[in-house]
Every structure is written in C-alpha cells, then in structure tokens.
Amino acid sequence: MRGGDEVLVEERLRALEERLRGPSRLKADLLTEARHGLLDAVEAYREDGLPAAEARRRAVAEFGTPAQLAPAYQAELAVGALRGLAWRVLAVAAAGIAAGDLTWRGASWSDGPRPPAGYLLLSASMDWLWFTAAVLGGLGVLVAGARRRSPVVDRLVGAGLTGLLALGGLAGAALFGWSVGLWDGALTWPPMIIGAVLVAAGFLWLGRAARGWVHAVR
C-alpha cells in the first residue's frame, strides 16, 4: 500500500537532500527520520478517510518545502560536523600530549649539543598547541552537546579548531624538517619514523573532519 506514497515522499526528500551538506551518516539518519514521519502522516490521513492522492498531497504540503526545511536540517548537520571535529581533535591532542616526547627518548643525539633556541621554542610551541587543541576540543564537545546553542559560538569554536589544526600542521612539519637537518640519524631512528607516520595520519584524519565542518557551515 505504501508504494505510491513513497514515490511522492521520496521526491520531496530527494529535493531536500540536494540542499544539505554535512556528515553523510547524520544526513542519512535525518532523512530516514523524515521519511518515516512523512509516511506515517500519509497513513494517518488515509485512516481518517482521505483518498490516497489527497493524503499524500496534504502530508507533503504540511511537511514543508525544501527551502523551508533546509536551514533547520543544515544547522543540525553543522552541529554534528562540529561534534565530530571536536572529538577527533580531543583524541589526537590527548595522544600527542601523552606521546609527544617518545620519538626522542633514547635517541643517539639526545645527549649531544643543545639545539638552537629557535628550535627549542618551536618544540615548546607544539606542546602548547596540543594543550590548547585539547582544551578547545573539549569545549567543542560541550558546545555541540548543549541544549541551547549559539550559531556564533559554534562557528567560533569550529574556526578555532580548524585554525589550530592548520597551525599545528605547519609547526609539526617545520619541526620535523628542522630535526632532520640537525641530526643525520633522525630519518633512521624508528620512533621518529613511526611518530611521523602516525602524526601525518592523525592530521589527515583531522583534516577530513575540518573540511567537513567548513563544508557544513558554508
């Protein structure tokens, strides 16, 4: 009985989906929920005695047009994208804080001459970047989970996280390159190699989340 109903419903949902940008899983969940609501509304109207065509028309009309619905759905997707980004930043920052010095421990050059002051400053800045990212990531989780949210605050937190990721990526790449230039054994030291691979993978993972958030709030 629902075959004819689903055609009109799917057309309306497809038009809505074309307007939405954000996490694919969350978008699919929102559209599935909307689909069930529409089909239930059609069935309720038919049980009230309306002809099938009129039941479909009324349910879809009351649901709203894609232009009317898109802002609310897009806002939900933006919050979901922020939540995903914040959790990823929090996880990677916590790992960075916990394991940041492991790549150097026991290295043959660790007891050698003291590195330049600029290098030490850059190295210390990475610690502060990880710490700031962890704090802002935790804030992002709280903001995204709050019952009352401010779009301005959401955007500020998301922009802060994205900016920190960009700065952290540049600083990390500079620190790695400087390390290779200072110590010949850096590229053959297994912890350094493993650390570089893991950090690069982490930043790629974070970069996808950041790009998804930017796409959702555009």
N, C-alpha and C. Protein backbone atom coordinates (compact mmCIF):
# COMPACT_ATOMS: atom_id res chain seq x y z
N MET A 1 0.81 -1.21 0.00
CA MET A 1 0.00 0.00 0.00
C MET A 1 0.85 1.27 0.00
N ARG A 2 2.09 1.14 0.48
CA ARG A 2 2.90 2.35 0.61
C ARG A 2 3.70 2.67 -0.65
N GLY A 3 3.60 1.81 -1.69
CA GLY A 3 4.42 2.04 -2.87
C GLY A 3 4.18 3.39 -3.50
N GLY A 4 2.87 3.73 -3.73
CA GLY A 4 2.56 5.02 -4.31
C GLY A 4 2.90 6.17 -3.40
N ASP A 5 2.72 5.97 -2.10
CA ASP A 5 3.04 7.02 -1.14
C ASP A 5 4.52 7.36 -1.18
N GLU A 6 5.33 6.33 -1.29
CA GLU A 6 6.78 6.52 -1.21
C GLU A 6 7.31 7.34 -2.38
N VAL A 7 6.66 7.26 -3.55
CA VAL A 7 7.15 7.99 -4.71
C VAL A 7 7.15 9.49 -4.44
N LEU A 8 6.03 10.03 -3.99
CA LEU A 8 5.92 11.45 -3.73
C LEU A 8 6.82 11.86 -2.56
N VAL A 9 6.86 11.02 -1.53
CA VAL A 9 7.70 11.29 -0.37
C VAL A 9 9.17 11.32 -0.77
N GLU A 10 9.59 10.36 -1.56
CA GLU A 10 11.00 10.30 -1.97
C GLU A 10 11.38 11.50 -2.83
N GLU A 11 10.46 11.96 -3.64
CA GLU A 11 10.74 13.15 -4.46
C GLU A 11 11.01 14.36 -3.57
N ARG A 12 10.18 14.53 -2.53
CA ARG A 12 10.36 15.65 -1.63
C ARG A 12 11.67 15.51 -0.83
N LEU A 13 11.97 14.32 -0.38
CA LEU A 13 13.19 14.09 0.40
C LEU A 13 14.44 14.23 -0.47
N ARG A 14 14.34 13.82 -1.72
CA ARG A 14 15.48 13.96 -2.63
C ARG A 14 15.78 15.43 -2.88
N ALA A 15 14.73 16.22 -3.03
CA ALA A 15 14.93 17.67 -3.22
C ALA A 15 15.55 18.30 -1.98
N LEU A 16 15.15 17.82 -0.80
CA LEU A 16 15.74 18.33 0.44
C LEU A 16 17.20 17.91 0.57
N GLU A 17 17.48 16.66 0.25
CA GLU A 17 18.84 16.14 0.37
C GLU A 17 19.83 16.94 -0.50
N GLU A 18 19.37 17.37 -1.67
CA GLU A 18 20.24 18.11 -2.58
C GLU A 18 20.69 19.44 -2.00
N ARG A 19 19.96 19.95 -1.02
CA ARG A 19 20.29 21.23 -0.41
C ARG A 19 21.19 21.09 0.82
N LEU A 20 21.39 19.86 1.29
CA LEU A 20 22.08 19.65 2.56
C LEU A 20 23.53 19.25 2.35
N ARG A 21 24.39 19.74 3.27
CA ARG A 21 25.82 19.40 3.25
C ARG A 21 26.22 19.07 4.69
N GLY A 22 26.98 17.99 4.83
CA GLY A 22 27.42 17.65 6.17
C GLY A 22 27.74 16.18 6.29
N PRO A 23 27.93 15.69 7.52
CA PRO A 23 28.29 14.28 7.74
C PRO A 23 27.27 13.34 7.09
N SER A 24 27.75 12.44 6.26
CA SER A 24 26.85 11.59 5.48
C SER A 24 25.98 10.70 6.38
N ARG A 25 26.55 10.18 7.46
CA ARG A 25 25.77 9.30 8.33
C ARG A 25 24.65 10.07 9.02
N LEU A 26 24.97 11.23 9.54
CA LEU A 26 23.95 12.04 10.20
C LEU A 26 22.89 12.49 9.21
N LYS A 27 23.32 12.86 8.01
CA LYS A 27 22.34 13.29 6.99
C LYS A 27 21.40 12.14 6.64
N ALA A 28 21.95 10.94 6.51
CA ALA A 28 21.11 9.77 6.21
C ALA A 28 20.13 9.51 7.34
N ASP A 29 20.57 9.66 8.58
CA ASP A 29 19.68 9.44 9.73
C ASP A 29 18.55 10.46 9.75
N LEU A 30 18.89 11.73 9.48
CA LEU A 30 17.86 12.78 9.48
C LEU A 30 16.83 12.54 8.38
N LEU A 31 17.30 12.14 7.21
CA LEU A 31 16.38 11.91 6.10
C LEU A 31 15.53 10.66 6.35
N THR A 32 16.11 9.65 6.98
CA THR A 32 15.33 8.45 7.31
C THR A 32 14.23 8.79 8.31
N GLU A 33 14.56 9.60 9.30
CA GLU A 33 13.56 10.03 10.28
C GLU A 33 12.46 10.83 9.61
N ALA A 34 12.83 11.71 8.69
CA ALA A 34 11.83 12.50 7.98
C ALA A 34 10.95 11.60 7.10
N ARG A 35 11.57 10.61 6.47
CA ARG A 35 10.81 9.68 5.62
C ARG A 35 9.76 8.95 6.44
N HIS A 36 10.17 8.42 7.59
CA HIS A 36 9.21 7.70 8.43
C HIS A 36 8.08 8.61 8.88
N GLY A 37 8.42 9.85 9.25
CA GLY A 37 7.39 10.79 9.67
C GLY A 37 6.40 11.10 8.57
N LEU A 38 6.92 11.29 7.35
CA LEU A 38 6.02 11.58 6.23
C LEU A 38 5.11 10.40 5.91
N LEU A 39 5.67 9.22 5.87
CA LEU A 39 4.86 8.04 5.56
C LEU A 39 3.81 7.79 6.64
N ASP A 40 4.19 8.02 7.88
CA ASP A 40 3.22 7.86 8.97
C ASP A 40 2.09 8.88 8.84
N ALA A 41 2.44 10.12 8.42
CA ALA A 41 1.42 11.15 8.24
C ALA A 41 0.47 10.77 7.10
N VAL A 42 1.01 10.24 6.01
CA VAL A 42 0.17 9.80 4.90
C VAL A 42 -0.79 8.71 5.36
N GLU A 43 -0.25 7.75 6.11
CA GLU A 43 -1.08 6.64 6.59
C GLU A 43 -2.18 7.14 7.54
N ALA A 44 -1.83 8.10 8.38
CA ALA A 44 -2.82 8.64 9.31
C ALA A 44 -3.95 9.33 8.56
N TYR A 45 -3.62 10.09 7.54
CA TYR A 45 -4.66 10.76 6.75
C TYR A 45 -5.56 9.74 6.03
N ARG A 46 -4.95 8.68 5.55
CA ARG A 46 -5.74 7.67 4.85
C ARG A 46 -6.65 6.94 5.82
N GLU A 47 -6.19 6.73 7.05
CA GLU A 47 -7.04 6.09 8.05
C GLU A 47 -8.20 7.00 8.45
N ASP A 48 -7.99 8.31 8.27
CA ASP A 48 -9.07 9.27 8.56
C ASP A 48 -10.09 9.35 7.43
N GLY A 49 -9.84 8.62 6.35
CA GLY A 49 -10.81 8.56 5.27
C GLY A 49 -10.46 9.35 4.03
N LEU A 50 -9.30 10.02 4.02
CA LEU A 50 -8.92 10.79 2.82
C LEU A 50 -8.48 9.84 1.71
N PRO A 51 -8.75 10.19 0.46
CA PRO A 51 -8.23 9.40 -0.66
C PRO A 51 -6.70 9.40 -0.64
N ALA A 52 -6.12 8.37 -1.23
CA ALA A 52 -4.66 8.21 -1.18
C ALA A 52 -3.94 9.43 -1.74
N ALA A 53 -4.39 9.93 -2.89
CA ALA A 53 -3.71 11.06 -3.51
C ALA A 53 -3.78 12.30 -2.62
N GLU A 54 -4.95 12.55 -2.03
CA GLU A 54 -5.11 13.71 -1.17
C GLU A 54 -4.29 13.54 0.13
N ALA A 55 -4.22 12.33 0.65
CA ALA A 55 -3.42 12.07 1.85
C ALA A 55 -1.95 12.37 1.60
N ARG A 56 -1.47 11.93 0.45
CA ARG A 56 -0.05 12.21 0.11
C ARG A 56 0.17 13.70 -0.06
N ARG A 57 -0.74 14.35 -0.77
CA ARG A 57 -0.56 15.78 -1.02
C ARG A 57 -0.55 16.57 0.27
N ARG A 58 -1.48 16.25 1.17
CA ARG A 58 -1.58 17.01 2.41
C ARG A 58 -0.37 16.75 3.31
N ALA A 59 0.07 15.51 3.40
CA ALA A 59 1.22 15.20 4.25
C ALA A 59 2.47 15.90 3.76
N VAL A 60 2.69 15.89 2.45
CA VAL A 60 3.89 16.52 1.89
C VAL A 60 3.80 18.04 2.03
N ALA A 61 2.59 18.60 1.85
CA ALA A 61 2.43 20.04 1.99
C ALA A 61 2.70 20.49 3.42
N GLU A 62 2.22 19.73 4.39
CA GLU A 62 2.45 20.08 5.79
C GLU A 62 3.90 19.88 6.20
N PHE A 63 4.57 18.96 5.55
CA PHE A 63 5.99 18.73 5.83
C PHE A 63 6.81 19.98 5.53
N GLY A 64 6.46 20.69 4.47
CA GLY A 64 7.17 21.90 4.10
C GLY A 64 8.00 21.72 2.85
N THR A 65 8.37 22.83 2.26
CA THR A 65 9.20 22.79 1.05
C THR A 65 10.66 22.62 1.44
N PRO A 66 11.50 22.14 0.52
CA PRO A 66 12.93 22.02 0.82
C PRO A 66 13.55 23.35 1.24
N ALA A 67 13.11 24.44 0.63
CA ALA A 67 13.66 25.75 1.00
C ALA A 67 13.31 26.11 2.44
N GLN A 68 12.12 25.71 2.88
CA GLN A 68 11.71 26.00 4.26
C GLN A 68 12.43 25.11 5.26
N LEU A 69 12.66 23.87 4.90
CA LEU A 69 13.21 22.89 5.83
C LEU A 69 14.74 22.89 5.90
N ALA A 70 15.38 23.24 4.80
CA ALA A 70 16.84 23.11 4.72
C ALA A 70 17.60 23.83 5.84
N PRO A 71 17.25 25.07 6.21
CA PRO A 71 18.03 25.75 7.26
C PRO A 71 18.10 24.99 8.57
N ALA A 72 16.97 24.44 9.03
CA ALA A 72 16.96 23.71 10.29
C ALA A 72 17.77 22.42 10.18
N TYR A 73 17.61 21.71 9.08
CA TYR A 73 18.36 20.48 8.90
C TYR A 73 19.86 20.78 8.75
N GLN A 74 20.18 21.86 8.03
CA GLN A 74 21.59 22.21 7.84
C GLN A 74 22.24 22.61 9.15
N ALA A 75 21.48 23.29 10.01
CA ALA A 75 22.02 23.65 11.32
C ALA A 75 22.35 22.41 12.13
N GLU A 76 21.49 21.40 12.05
CA GLU A 76 21.75 20.15 12.77
C GLU A 76 22.99 19.45 12.21
N LEU A 77 23.16 19.50 10.92
CA LEU A 77 24.34 18.90 10.29
C LEU A 77 25.61 19.64 10.68
N ALA A 78 25.53 20.95 10.77
CA ALA A 78 26.69 21.74 11.18
C ALA A 78 27.11 21.40 12.60
N VAL A 79 26.14 21.23 13.49
CA VAL A 79 26.45 20.84 14.86
C VAL A 79 27.07 19.45 14.89
N GLY A 80 26.54 18.54 14.09
CA GLY A 80 27.12 17.20 14.02
C GLY A 80 28.55 17.22 13.51
N ALA A 81 28.81 18.07 12.52
CA ALA A 81 30.17 18.18 11.99
C ALA A 81 31.12 18.76 13.03
N LEU A 82 30.64 19.74 13.81
CA LEU A 82 31.45 20.31 14.88
C LEU A 82 31.74 19.27 15.95
N ARG A 83 30.73 18.51 16.31
CA ARG A 83 30.91 17.48 17.33
C ARG A 83 31.96 16.46 16.89
N GLY A 84 31.88 16.01 15.64
CA GLY A 84 32.85 15.05 15.13
C GLY A 84 34.26 15.62 15.11
N LEU A 85 34.38 16.87 14.68
CA LEU A 85 35.69 17.52 14.64
C LEU A 85 36.25 17.67 16.04
N ALA A 86 35.42 18.10 16.98
CA ALA A 86 35.90 18.32 18.36
C ALA A 86 36.37 17.02 19.00
N TRP A 87 35.63 15.93 18.80
CA TRP A 87 36.04 14.66 19.38
C TRP A 87 37.36 14.18 18.77
N ARG A 88 37.51 14.36 17.49
CA ARG A 88 38.76 13.93 16.84
C ARG A 88 39.95 14.75 17.34
N VAL A 89 39.75 16.06 17.45
CA VAL A 89 40.83 16.91 17.95
C VAL A 89 41.19 16.53 19.37
N LEU A 90 40.19 16.29 20.19
CA LEU A 90 40.43 15.92 21.58
C LEU A 90 41.21 14.62 21.67
N ALA A 91 40.86 13.64 20.85
CA ALA A 91 41.54 12.35 20.87
C ALA A 91 43.00 12.47 20.41
N VAL A 92 43.21 13.17 19.29
CA VAL A 92 44.57 13.29 18.75
C VAL A 92 45.43 14.16 19.65
N ALA A 93 44.86 15.22 20.21
CA ALA A 93 45.62 16.09 21.10
C ALA A 93 46.04 15.34 22.36
N ALA A 94 45.14 14.54 22.90
CA ALA A 94 45.47 13.75 24.09
C ALA A 94 46.61 12.78 23.79
N ALA A 95 46.55 12.15 22.62
CA ALA A 95 47.62 11.24 22.23
C ALA A 95 48.93 11.99 22.02
N GLY A 96 48.84 13.18 21.42
CA GLY A 96 50.04 13.98 21.20
C GLY A 96 50.70 14.42 22.49
N ILE A 97 49.87 14.81 23.47
CA ILE A 97 50.42 15.23 24.77
C ILE A 97 51.07 14.06 25.47
N ALA A 98 50.42 12.89 25.40
CA ALA A 98 50.93 11.72 26.12
C ALA A 98 52.19 11.14 25.48
N ALA A 99 52.29 11.20 24.17
CA ALA A 99 53.38 10.52 23.48
C ALA A 99 54.32 11.46 22.74
N GLY A 100 54.21 12.76 22.98
CA GLY A 100 54.99 13.72 22.20
C GLY A 100 56.49 13.55 22.33
N ASP A 101 56.97 13.15 23.50
CA ASP A 101 58.42 13.04 23.71
C ASP A 101 58.98 11.66 23.41
N LEU A 102 58.11 10.70 23.10
CA LEU A 102 58.58 9.33 22.92
C LEU A 102 59.46 9.18 21.68
N THR A 103 59.25 10.04 20.69
CA THR A 103 60.06 9.91 19.46
C THR A 103 61.52 10.26 19.71
N TRP A 104 61.80 11.01 20.79
CA TRP A 104 63.17 11.44 21.06
C TRP A 104 63.87 10.56 22.10
N ARG A 105 63.09 9.89 22.94
CA ARG A 105 63.67 9.19 24.10
C ARG A 105 64.62 8.09 23.65
N GLY A 106 65.84 8.16 24.13
CA GLY A 106 66.84 7.15 23.81
C GLY A 106 67.57 7.36 22.51
N ALA A 107 67.29 8.46 21.80
CA ALA A 107 67.97 8.72 20.53
C ALA A 107 69.44 9.02 20.76
N SER A 108 70.27 8.67 19.78
CA SER A 108 71.72 8.84 19.92
C SER A 108 72.12 10.30 20.05
N TRP A 109 71.29 11.22 19.56
CA TRP A 109 71.65 12.64 19.60
C TRP A 109 71.08 13.38 20.81
N SER A 110 70.31 12.62 21.66
CA SER A 110 69.66 13.30 22.78
C SER A 110 70.64 13.85 23.80
N ASP A 111 71.86 13.29 23.87
CA ASP A 111 72.88 13.77 24.81
C ASP A 111 73.92 14.66 24.12
N GLY A 112 73.63 15.04 22.87
CA GLY A 112 74.59 15.86 22.13
C GLY A 112 74.45 17.33 22.46
N PRO A 113 74.98 18.17 21.59
CA PRO A 113 74.91 19.63 21.80
C PRO A 113 73.46 20.11 21.88
N ARG A 114 73.26 21.15 22.65
CA ARG A 114 71.92 21.72 22.82
C ARG A 114 71.44 22.33 21.50
N PRO A 115 70.20 22.03 21.09
CA PRO A 115 69.68 22.59 19.83
C PRO A 115 69.58 24.11 19.90
N PRO A 116 69.45 24.78 18.76
CA PRO A 116 69.30 26.24 18.75
C PRO A 116 68.07 26.69 19.53
N ALA A 117 68.10 27.93 19.98
CA ALA A 117 66.98 28.47 20.76
C ALA A 117 65.68 28.46 19.96
N GLY A 118 65.77 28.76 18.67
CA GLY A 118 64.57 28.76 17.84
C GLY A 118 63.94 27.38 17.75
N TYR A 119 64.78 26.36 17.68
CA TYR A 119 64.27 25.00 17.63
C TYR A 119 63.56 24.65 18.93
N LEU A 120 64.17 25.01 20.06
CA LEU A 120 63.58 24.74 21.35
C LEU A 120 62.24 25.47 21.51
N LEU A 121 62.17 26.69 20.99
CA LEU A 121 60.94 27.46 21.06
C LEU A 121 59.85 26.79 20.22
N LEU A 122 60.22 26.35 19.03
CA LEU A 122 59.24 25.68 18.16
C LEU A 122 58.76 24.38 18.79
N SER A 123 59.70 23.64 19.40
CA SER A 123 59.32 22.39 20.06
C SER A 123 58.36 22.65 21.22
N ALA A 124 58.64 23.68 22.01
CA ALA A 124 57.75 24.02 23.12
C ALA A 124 56.40 24.49 22.62
N SER A 125 56.40 25.18 21.50
CA SER A 125 55.12 25.67 20.96
C SER A 125 54.21 24.51 20.56
N MET A 126 54.79 23.39 20.13
CA MET A 126 53.98 22.23 19.79
C MET A 126 53.25 21.70 21.02
N ASP A 127 53.94 21.70 22.16
CA ASP A 127 53.27 21.27 23.40
C ASP A 127 52.08 22.17 23.72
N TRP A 128 52.30 23.47 23.57
CA TRP A 128 51.22 24.41 23.85
C TRP A 128 50.08 24.28 22.84
N LEU A 129 50.42 24.00 21.60
CA LEU A 129 49.39 23.81 20.59
C LEU A 129 48.53 22.59 20.91
N TRP A 130 49.16 21.49 21.29
CA TRP A 130 48.41 20.29 21.65
C TRP A 130 47.51 20.55 22.85
N PHE A 131 48.07 21.25 23.84
CA PHE A 131 47.28 21.54 25.04
C PHE A 131 46.08 22.42 24.70
N THR A 132 46.32 23.47 23.92
CA THR A 132 45.23 24.37 23.52
C THR A 132 44.19 23.63 22.69
N ALA A 133 44.66 22.75 21.80
CA ALA A 133 43.73 21.97 20.97
C ALA A 133 42.87 21.05 21.84
N ALA A 134 43.48 20.45 22.88
CA ALA A 134 42.72 19.57 23.77
C ALA A 134 41.64 20.37 24.50
N VAL A 135 42.01 21.55 25.00
CA VAL A 135 41.03 22.38 25.72
C VAL A 135 39.91 22.82 24.78
N LEU A 136 40.27 23.28 23.59
CA LEU A 136 39.26 23.74 22.65
C LEU A 136 38.42 22.58 22.13
N GLY A 137 39.04 21.41 21.98
CA GLY A 137 38.27 20.23 21.57
C GLY A 137 37.24 19.85 22.62
N GLY A 138 37.65 19.90 23.90
CA GLY A 138 36.69 19.63 24.97
C GLY A 138 35.56 20.65 24.98
N LEU A 139 35.90 21.91 24.75
CA LEU A 139 34.89 22.95 24.68
C LEU A 139 33.93 22.69 23.52
N GLY A 140 34.49 22.26 22.39
CA GLY A 140 33.65 21.97 21.23
C GLY A 140 32.67 20.84 21.51
N VAL A 141 33.11 19.82 22.23
CA VAL A 141 32.21 18.72 22.59
C VAL A 141 31.07 19.24 23.46
N LEU A 142 31.39 20.10 24.43
CA LEU A 142 30.37 20.67 25.31
C LEU A 142 29.41 21.57 24.53
N VAL A 143 29.94 22.41 23.68
CA VAL A 143 29.12 23.34 22.90
C VAL A 143 28.17 22.57 21.98
N ALA A 144 28.70 21.54 21.30
CA ALA A 144 27.87 20.78 20.36
C ALA A 144 26.80 19.97 21.08
N GLY A 145 27.04 19.62 22.35
CA GLY A 145 26.07 18.84 23.08
C GLY A 145 25.11 19.66 23.92
N ALA A 146 25.28 20.97 23.93
CA ALA A 146 24.42 21.82 24.76
C ALA A 146 23.00 21.88 24.19
N ARG A 147 22.03 22.00 25.09
CA ARG A 147 20.64 22.11 24.64
C ARG A 147 20.38 23.44 23.95
N ARG A 148 20.93 24.49 24.53
CA ARG A 148 20.80 25.81 23.92
C ARG A 148 22.13 26.18 23.30
N ARG A 149 22.11 26.40 22.00
CA ARG A 149 23.36 26.67 21.30
C ARG A 149 23.28 28.02 20.59
N SER A 150 24.43 28.61 20.42
CA SER A 150 24.55 29.85 19.68
C SER A 150 25.33 29.58 18.39
N PRO A 151 24.73 29.83 17.23
CA PRO A 151 25.47 29.61 15.99
C PRO A 151 26.79 30.37 15.93
N VAL A 152 26.83 31.54 16.57
CA VAL A 152 28.06 32.33 16.57
C VAL A 152 29.14 31.61 17.36
N VAL A 153 28.78 31.09 18.53
CA VAL A 153 29.75 30.35 19.35
C VAL A 153 30.20 29.09 18.63
N ASP A 154 29.25 28.38 18.01
CA ASP A 154 29.60 27.18 17.25
C ASP A 154 30.64 27.49 16.17
N ARG A 155 30.41 28.57 15.45
CA ARG A 155 31.33 28.93 14.37
C ARG A 155 32.69 29.35 14.92
N LEU A 156 32.69 30.07 16.03
CA LEU A 156 33.96 30.50 16.61
C LEU A 156 34.78 29.30 17.07
N VAL A 157 34.13 28.34 17.72
CA VAL A 157 34.84 27.15 18.19
C VAL A 157 35.34 26.34 17.00
N GLY A 158 34.48 26.14 16.00
CA GLY A 158 34.90 25.39 14.82
C GLY A 158 36.04 26.07 14.08
N ALA A 159 35.96 27.41 13.95
CA ALA A 159 37.03 28.14 13.28
C ALA A 159 38.33 28.06 14.09
N GLY A 160 38.20 28.11 15.43
CA GLY A 160 39.39 27.98 16.27
C GLY A 160 40.04 26.63 16.12
N LEU A 161 39.24 25.58 16.09
CA LEU A 161 39.80 24.23 15.92
C LEU A 161 40.46 24.08 14.55
N THR A 162 39.81 24.58 13.53
CA THR A 162 40.37 24.49 12.18
C THR A 162 41.67 25.27 12.07
N GLY A 163 41.70 26.48 12.65
CA GLY A 163 42.91 27.28 12.64
C GLY A 163 44.05 26.62 13.40
N LEU A 164 43.74 26.02 14.55
CA LEU A 164 44.77 25.32 15.33
C LEU A 164 45.34 24.14 14.56
N LEU A 165 44.48 23.44 13.84
CA LEU A 165 44.96 22.30 13.05
C LEU A 165 45.91 22.76 11.95
N ALA A 166 45.55 23.84 11.28
CA ALA A 166 46.43 24.36 10.24
C ALA A 166 47.76 24.81 10.82
N LEU A 167 47.72 25.52 11.93
CA LEU A 167 48.95 25.98 12.58
C LEU A 167 49.77 24.81 13.09
N GLY A 168 49.08 23.83 13.70
CA GLY A 168 49.80 22.66 14.21
C GLY A 168 50.44 21.85 13.10
N GLY A 169 49.77 21.73 11.96
CA GLY A 169 50.36 21.01 10.84
C GLY A 169 51.62 21.68 10.31
N LEU A 170 51.56 23.00 10.18
CA LEU A 170 52.73 23.74 9.70
C LEU A 170 53.88 23.65 10.70
N ALA A 171 53.56 23.82 12.00
CA ALA A 171 54.59 23.77 13.02
C ALA A 171 55.21 22.37 13.11
N GLY A 172 54.37 21.35 13.02
CA GLY A 172 54.88 19.98 13.07
C GLY A 172 55.77 19.65 11.90
N ALA A 173 55.37 20.08 10.70
CA ALA A 173 56.20 19.83 9.53
C ALA A 173 57.54 20.57 9.63
N ALA A 174 57.49 21.81 10.14
CA ALA A 174 58.73 22.58 10.30
C ALA A 174 59.64 21.93 11.33
N LEU A 175 59.07 21.44 12.43
CA LEU A 175 59.87 20.81 13.47
C LEU A 175 60.51 19.53 12.96
N PHE A 176 59.76 18.75 12.21
CA PHE A 176 60.32 17.51 11.66
C PHE A 176 61.45 17.81 10.68
N GLY A 177 61.21 18.77 9.78
CA GLY A 177 62.25 19.13 8.82
C GLY A 177 63.50 19.67 9.49
N TRP A 178 63.32 20.47 10.52
CA TRP A 178 64.46 21.02 11.25
C TRP A 178 65.22 19.91 11.96
N SER A 179 64.50 18.93 12.51
CA SER A 179 65.14 17.81 13.20
C SER A 179 66.01 17.00 12.26
N VAL A 180 65.48 16.76 11.05
CA VAL A 180 66.25 16.03 10.05
C VAL A 180 67.51 16.78 9.67
N GLY A 181 67.39 18.12 9.59
CA GLY A 181 68.57 18.93 9.26
C GLY A 181 69.60 18.97 10.37
N LEU A 182 69.17 18.87 11.63
CA LEU A 182 70.10 18.93 12.75
C LEU A 182 70.79 17.60 13.02
N TRP A 183 70.06 16.52 12.85
CA TRP A 183 70.60 15.21 13.22
C TRP A 183 70.47 14.23 12.05
N ASP A 184 71.60 13.73 11.59
CA ASP A 184 71.60 12.80 10.47
C ASP A 184 70.85 11.51 10.78
N GLY A 185 70.85 11.12 12.05
CA GLY A 185 70.21 9.86 12.41
C GLY A 185 68.71 9.95 12.58
N ALA A 186 68.13 11.14 12.41
CA ALA A 186 66.70 11.30 12.65
C ALA A 186 65.86 10.44 11.71
N LEU A 187 66.27 10.36 10.46
CA LEU A 187 65.49 9.62 9.48
C LEU A 187 65.66 8.11 9.61
N THR A 188 66.61 7.66 10.41
CA THR A 188 66.80 6.22 10.59
C THR A 188 66.44 5.78 12.01
N TRP A 189 65.94 6.72 12.82
CA TRP A 189 65.55 6.39 14.18
C TRP A 189 64.10 5.91 14.17
N PRO A 190 63.84 4.59 14.43
CA PRO A 190 62.48 4.03 14.29
C PRO A 190 61.38 4.81 15.00
N PRO A 191 61.55 5.24 16.27
CA PRO A 191 60.47 6.01 16.90
C PRO A 191 60.13 7.29 16.14
N MET A 192 61.16 7.93 15.57
CA MET A 192 60.92 9.14 14.81
C MET A 192 60.10 8.84 13.55
N ILE A 193 60.43 7.75 12.88
CA ILE A 193 59.71 7.38 11.66
C ILE A 193 58.27 7.02 11.99
N ILE A 194 58.09 6.18 13.02
CA ILE A 194 56.74 5.77 13.41
C ILE A 194 55.92 6.99 13.85
N GLY A 195 56.56 7.86 14.64
CA GLY A 195 55.87 9.06 15.10
C GLY A 195 55.43 9.94 13.95
N ALA A 196 56.32 10.11 12.96
CA ALA A 196 55.98 10.96 11.82
C ALA A 196 54.80 10.39 11.03
N VAL A 197 54.80 9.07 10.86
CA VAL A 197 53.71 8.43 10.12
C VAL A 197 52.39 8.58 10.88
N LEU A 198 52.43 8.35 12.18
CA LEU A 198 51.21 8.45 12.98
C LEU A 198 50.67 9.87 13.03
N VAL A 199 51.58 10.84 13.18
CA VAL A 199 51.15 12.23 13.22
C VAL A 199 50.55 12.65 11.88
N ALA A 200 51.19 12.23 10.78
CA ALA A 200 50.66 12.56 9.46
C ALA A 200 49.27 11.96 9.27
N ALA A 201 49.11 10.69 9.69
CA ALA A 201 47.79 10.05 9.58
C ALA A 201 46.76 10.77 10.44
N GLY A 202 47.18 11.19 11.64
CA GLY A 202 46.27 11.91 12.52
C GLY A 202 45.82 13.23 11.92
N PHE A 203 46.75 13.95 11.31
CA PHE A 203 46.38 15.23 10.72
C PHE A 203 45.50 15.05 9.49
N LEU A 204 45.72 13.97 8.74
CA LEU A 204 44.82 13.70 7.61
C LEU A 204 43.41 13.39 8.10
N TRP A 205 43.32 12.63 9.18
CA TRP A 205 42.03 12.30 9.78
C TRP A 205 41.34 13.56 10.28
N LEU A 206 42.11 14.42 10.93
CA LEU A 206 41.55 15.68 11.41
C LEU A 206 41.18 16.61 10.25
N GLY A 207 42.02 16.60 9.22
CA GLY A 207 41.77 17.46 8.08
C GLY A 207 40.45 17.14 7.39
N ARG A 208 40.13 15.88 7.30
CA ARG A 208 38.84 15.49 6.70
C ARG A 208 37.68 16.01 7.53
N ALA A 209 37.81 15.91 8.86
CA ALA A 209 36.76 16.41 9.72
C ALA A 209 36.63 17.93 9.62
N ALA A 210 37.76 18.62 9.57
CA ALA A 210 37.73 20.08 9.45
C ALA A 210 37.12 20.50 8.12
N ARG A 211 37.47 19.81 7.06
CA ARG A 211 36.88 20.14 5.76
C ARG A 211 35.37 19.88 5.77
N GLY A 212 34.95 18.81 6.44
CA GLY A 212 33.52 18.53 6.55
C GLY A 212 32.79 19.61 7.31
N TRP A 213 33.43 20.14 8.38
CA TRP A 213 32.78 21.21 9.13
C TRP A 213 32.67 22.48 8.28
N VAL A 214 33.75 22.83 7.60
CA VAL A 214 33.72 24.03 6.74
C VAL A 214 32.64 23.88 5.67
N HIS A 215 32.53 22.70 5.11
CA HIS A 215 31.53 22.45 4.07
C HIS A 215 30.12 22.58 4.64
N ALA A 216 29.94 22.16 5.91
CA ALA A 216 28.60 22.17 6.51
C ALA A 216 28.14 23.58 6.89
N VAL A 217 29.08 24.46 7.20
CA VAL A 217 28.68 25.81 7.64
C VAL A 217 28.80 26.85 6.54
N ARG A 218 29.23 26.44 5.37
CA ARG A 218 29.42 27.38 4.27
C ARG A 218 28.12 28.04 3.87
